[in-house]
């Protein structure tokens, strides 16, 4: 699949690189690079997406840099689930969920909305049925 440019918020546009069987890289340019993938492989009825935000010195091989939202630099891992793809802590890495560390309510809401947007886009494209 060719990379596609996707607008996920008023200030966040990403080039999305789908990787067969390995999720997708969302490259936001100077604002960061993250990885999205199905949270439960082989269970297409589960609408859950894991977003790896990376961290300084990322060793994943994808060059993940985290994601800048407002004055915050998000790193760690989030899991988005349910009808609205709500961002929440990943059950295996609850201490790496970045949203509780954001003190500004508007930035925290914008960050959650952006993570949900990434997850919803990934889920819609992959649809986990093919």
C-alpha atoms as a PDB file:
ATOM      1  CA  UNK A   1       0.000   0.000   0.000  1.00  0.00           C
ATOM      2  CA  UNK A   2       1.306   3.447  -0.883  1.00  0.00           C
ATOM      3  CA  UNK A   3       1.851   5.935   1.918  1.00  0.00           C
ATOM      4  CA  UNK A   4      -1.142   8.195   2.382  1.00  0.00           C
ATOM      5  CA  UNK A   5      -1.451  11.622   3.972  1.00  0.00           C
ATOM      6  CA  UNK A   6      -4.161  11.804   6.633  1.00  0.00           C
ATOM      7  CA  UNK A   7      -5.369  14.802   8.648  1.00  0.00           C
ATOM      8  CA  UNK A   8      -6.205  13.672  12.173  1.00  0.00           C
ATOM      9  CA  UNK A   9      -6.748  17.054  13.875  1.00  0.00           C
ATOM     10  CA  UNK A  10      -6.509  20.769  13.165  1.00  0.00           C
ATOM     11  CA  UNK A  11      -2.774  20.664  13.825  1.00  0.00           C
ATOM     12  CA  UNK A  12      -1.788  17.050  13.110  1.00  0.00           C
ATOM     13  CA  UNK A  13      -1.354  15.612   9.632  1.00  0.00           C
ATOM     14  CA  UNK A  14       0.517  12.333   9.191  1.00  0.00           C
ATOM     15  CA  UNK A  15       1.988  10.309   6.380  1.00  0.00           C
ATOM     16  CA  UNK A  16       0.814   6.767   7.060  1.00  0.00           C
ATOM     17  CA  UNK A  17       2.959   3.810   6.023  1.00  0.00           C
ATOM     18  CA  UNK A  18       1.041   0.526   6.302  1.00  0.00           C
ATOM     19  CA  UNK A  19       3.204  -2.540   6.906  1.00  0.00           C
ATOM     20  CA  UNK A  20       1.683  -5.880   5.971  1.00  0.00           C
ATOM     21  CA  UNK A  21       1.026  -7.767   9.189  1.00  0.00           C
ATOM     22  CA  UNK A  22       3.070  -5.328  11.281  1.00  0.00           C
ATOM     23  CA  UNK A  23       0.790  -2.337  11.812  1.00  0.00           C
ATOM     24  CA  UNK A  24       1.400   1.169  10.506  1.00  0.00           C
ATOM     25  CA  UNK A  25       3.796   4.042  11.071  1.00  0.00           C
ATOM     26  CA  UNK A  26       2.199   7.470  11.473  1.00  0.00           C
ATOM     27  CA  UNK A  27       4.838  10.084  10.635  1.00  0.00           C
ATOM     28  CA  UNK A  28       3.851  13.584  11.775  1.00  0.00           C
ATOM     29  CA  UNK A  29       7.122  15.142  10.587  1.00  0.00           C
ATOM     30  CA  UNK A  30       8.656  17.425  13.225  1.00  0.00           C
ATOM     31  CA  UNK A  31       5.813  16.579  15.644  1.00  0.00           C
ATOM     32  CA  UNK A  32       6.802  12.913  15.896  1.00  0.00           C
ATOM     33  CA  UNK A  33       6.462   9.356  14.655  1.00  0.00           C
ATOM     34  CA  UNK A  34       4.344   6.598  16.252  1.00  0.00           C
ATOM     35  CA  UNK A  35       3.335   2.994  15.503  1.00  0.00           C
ATOM     36  CA  UNK A  36      -0.216   1.578  15.578  1.00  0.00           C
ATOM     37  CA  UNK A  37      -1.209  -2.079  15.455  1.00  0.00           C
ATOM     38  CA  UNK A  38      -3.992  -4.443  16.407  1.00  0.00           C
ATOM     39  CA  UNK A  39      -3.965  -5.108  20.134  1.00  0.00           C
ATOM     40  CA  UNK A  40      -5.332  -8.642  19.721  1.00  0.00           C
ATOM     41  CA  UNK A  41      -4.088 -10.504  16.654  1.00  0.00           C
ATOM     42  CA  UNK A  42      -6.437 -13.161  15.367  1.00  0.00           C
ATOM     43  CA  UNK A  43      -9.474 -11.687  17.121  1.00  0.00           C
ATOM     44  CA  UNK A  44     -11.178  -9.507  14.498  1.00  0.00           C
ATOM     45  CA  UNK A  45     -14.210  -8.877  16.689  1.00  0.00           C
ATOM     46  CA  UNK A  46     -12.092  -6.882  19.172  1.00  0.00           C
ATOM     47  CA  UNK A  47     -11.848  -3.210  18.268  1.00  0.00           C
ATOM     48  CA  UNK A  48      -8.615  -2.522  20.139  1.00  0.00           C
ATOM     49  CA  UNK A  49      -5.532  -0.733  18.820  1.00  0.00           C
ATOM     50  CA  UNK A  50      -2.164  -0.350  20.553  1.00  0.00           C
ATOM     51  CA  UNK A  51      -0.233   2.847  19.872  1.00  0.00           C
ATOM     52  CA  UNK A  52       3.478   2.772  20.629  1.00  0.00           C
ATOM     53  CA  UNK A  53       4.656   6.343  21.015  1.00  0.00           C
ATOM     54  CA  UNK A  54       8.294   5.509  21.543  1.00  0.00           C
ATOM     55  CA  UNK A  55      10.683   7.362  23.769  1.00  0.00           C
ATOM     56  CA  UNK A  56      14.062   9.062  23.577  1.00  0.00           C
ATOM     57  CA  UNK A  57      16.577   6.509  22.332  1.00  0.00           C
ATOM     58  CA  UNK A  58      13.838   4.254  20.876  1.00  0.00           C
ATOM     59  CA  UNK A  59      15.201   0.832  19.929  1.00  0.00           C
ATOM     60  CA  UNK A  60      12.111  -0.576  18.203  1.00  0.00           C
ATOM     61  CA  UNK A  61      13.694  -0.327  14.773  1.00  0.00           C
ATOM     62  CA  UNK A  62      10.939   2.029  13.619  1.00  0.00           C
ATOM     63  CA  UNK A  63      12.604   5.230  14.858  1.00  0.00           C
ATOM     64  CA  UNK A  64       9.640   6.201  17.011  1.00  0.00           C
ATOM     65  CA  UNK A  65      10.067   9.658  18.488  1.00  0.00           C
ATOM     66  CA  UNK A  66       6.951  10.233  20.542  1.00  0.00           C
ATOM     67  CA  UNK A  67       4.364  12.843  19.642  1.00  0.00           C
ATOM     68  CA  UNK A  68       4.174  16.562  20.388  1.00  0.00           C
ATOM     69  CA  UNK A  69       0.758  17.907  21.331  1.00  0.00           C
ATOM     70  CA  UNK A  70       0.782  21.522  22.441  1.00  0.00           C
ATOM     71  CA  UNK A  71       3.671  21.922  24.875  1.00  0.00           C
ATOM     72  CA  UNK A  72       3.707  18.200  25.748  1.00  0.00           C
ATOM     73  CA  UNK A  73       5.882  15.432  24.354  1.00  0.00           C
ATOM     74  CA  UNK A  74       3.982  12.142  24.627  1.00  0.00           C
ATOM     75  CA  UNK A  75       5.985   8.949  25.006  1.00  0.00           C
ATOM     76  CA  UNK A  76       5.023   5.456  26.125  1.00  0.00           C
ATOM     77  CA  UNK A  77       2.163   3.185  25.094  1.00  0.00           C
ATOM     78  CA  UNK A  78      -1.594   3.652  24.828  1.00  0.00           C
ATOM     79  CA  UNK A  79      -4.423   1.284  24.049  1.00  0.00           C
ATOM     80  CA  UNK A  80      -7.531   2.597  22.340  1.00  0.00           C
ATOM     81  CA  UNK A  81     -10.704   0.584  22.558  1.00  0.00           C
ATOM     82  CA  UNK A  82     -14.477   0.644  22.188  1.00  0.00           C
ATOM     83  CA  UNK A  83     -16.851   2.571  19.966  1.00  0.00           C
ATOM     84  CA  UNK A  84     -14.978   5.862  20.362  1.00  0.00           C
ATOM     85  CA  UNK A  85     -11.530   4.259  20.452  1.00  0.00           C
ATOM     86  CA  UNK A  86     -10.980   5.858  23.865  1.00  0.00           C
ATOM     87  CA  UNK A  87      -7.322   6.146  24.846  1.00  0.00           C
ATOM     88  CA  UNK A  88      -6.412   4.341  28.052  1.00  0.00           C
ATOM     89  CA  UNK A  89      -3.526   2.570  29.729  1.00  0.00           C
ATOM     90  CA  UNK A  90      -2.354  -0.640  28.046  1.00  0.00           C
ATOM     91  CA  UNK A  91      -3.053  -3.559  30.420  1.00  0.00           C
ATOM     92  CA  UNK A  92       0.539  -4.847  30.088  1.00  0.00           C
ATOM     93  CA  UNK A  93       2.176  -1.413  30.507  1.00  0.00           C
ATOM     94  CA  UNK A  94      -0.109   0.682  32.748  1.00  0.00           C
ATOM     95  CA  UNK A  95       2.779   2.819  33.982  1.00  0.00           C
ATOM     96  CA  UNK A  96       3.702   3.913  30.424  1.00  0.00           C
ATOM     97  CA  UNK A  97       0.386   5.661  29.621  1.00  0.00           C
ATOM     98  CA  UNK A  98       1.216   9.353  29.077  1.00  0.00           C
ATOM     99  CA  UNK A  99      -2.126  11.143  29.570  1.00  0.00           C
ATOM    100  CA  UNK A 100      -2.237  11.238  33.407  1.00  0.00           C
ATOM    101  CA  UNK A 101       1.047  13.188  33.373  1.00  0.00           C
ATOM    102  CA  UNK A 102      -0.498  16.055  31.383  1.00  0.00           C
ATOM    103  CA  UNK A 103      -1.715  18.693  33.827  1.00  0.00           C
ATOM    104  CA  UNK A 104      -3.405  21.040  31.345  1.00  0.00           C
ATOM    105  CA  UNK A 105      -6.940  19.695  30.785  1.00  0.00           C
ATOM    106  CA  UNK A 106      -7.234  21.016  27.215  1.00  0.00           C
ATOM    107  CA  UNK A 107      -3.895  19.497  26.162  1.00  0.00           C
ATOM    108  CA  UNK A 108      -4.833  16.202  27.837  1.00  0.00           C
ATOM    109  CA  UNK A 109      -8.155  16.172  25.950  1.00  0.00           C
ATOM    110  CA  UNK A 110      -6.443  17.071  22.651  1.00  0.00           C
ATOM    111  CA  UNK A 111      -3.885  14.306  23.218  1.00  0.00           C
ATOM    112  CA  UNK A 112      -6.581  11.729  23.950  1.00  0.00           C
ATOM    113  CA  UNK A 113      -8.540  12.832  20.886  1.00  0.00           C
ATOM    114  CA  UNK A 114      -5.454  12.540  18.675  1.00  0.00           C
ATOM    115  CA  UNK A 115      -4.631   9.048  19.970  1.00  0.00           C
ATOM    116  CA  UNK A 116      -8.256   8.031  19.405  1.00  0.00           C
ATOM    117  CA  UNK A 117      -8.098   9.480  15.885  1.00  0.00           C
ATOM    118  CA  UNK A 118      -4.967   7.497  15.061  1.00  0.00           C
ATOM    119  CA  UNK A 119      -6.556   4.305  16.395  1.00  0.00           C
ATOM    120  CA  UNK A 120      -9.842   4.869  14.569  1.00  0.00           C
ATOM    121  CA  UNK A 121      -8.042   5.569  11.290  1.00  0.00           C
ATOM    122  CA  UNK A 122      -5.923   2.447  11.665  1.00  0.00           C
ATOM    123  CA  UNK A 123      -8.934   0.318  12.559  1.00  0.00           C
ATOM    124  CA  UNK A 124     -10.976   1.684   9.647  1.00  0.00           C
ATOM    125  CA  UNK A 125      -8.171   1.040   7.138  1.00  0.00           C
ATOM    126  CA  UNK A 126      -7.242  -2.416   8.342  1.00  0.00           C
ATOM    127  CA  UNK A 127     -10.779  -3.360   9.466  1.00  0.00           C
ATOM    128  CA  UNK A 128      -9.300  -6.495  11.022  1.00  0.00           C
ATOM    129  CA  UNK A 129     -11.406  -8.680   8.791  1.00  0.00           C
ATOM    130  CA  UNK A 130      -9.114  -9.039   5.814  1.00  0.00           C
END
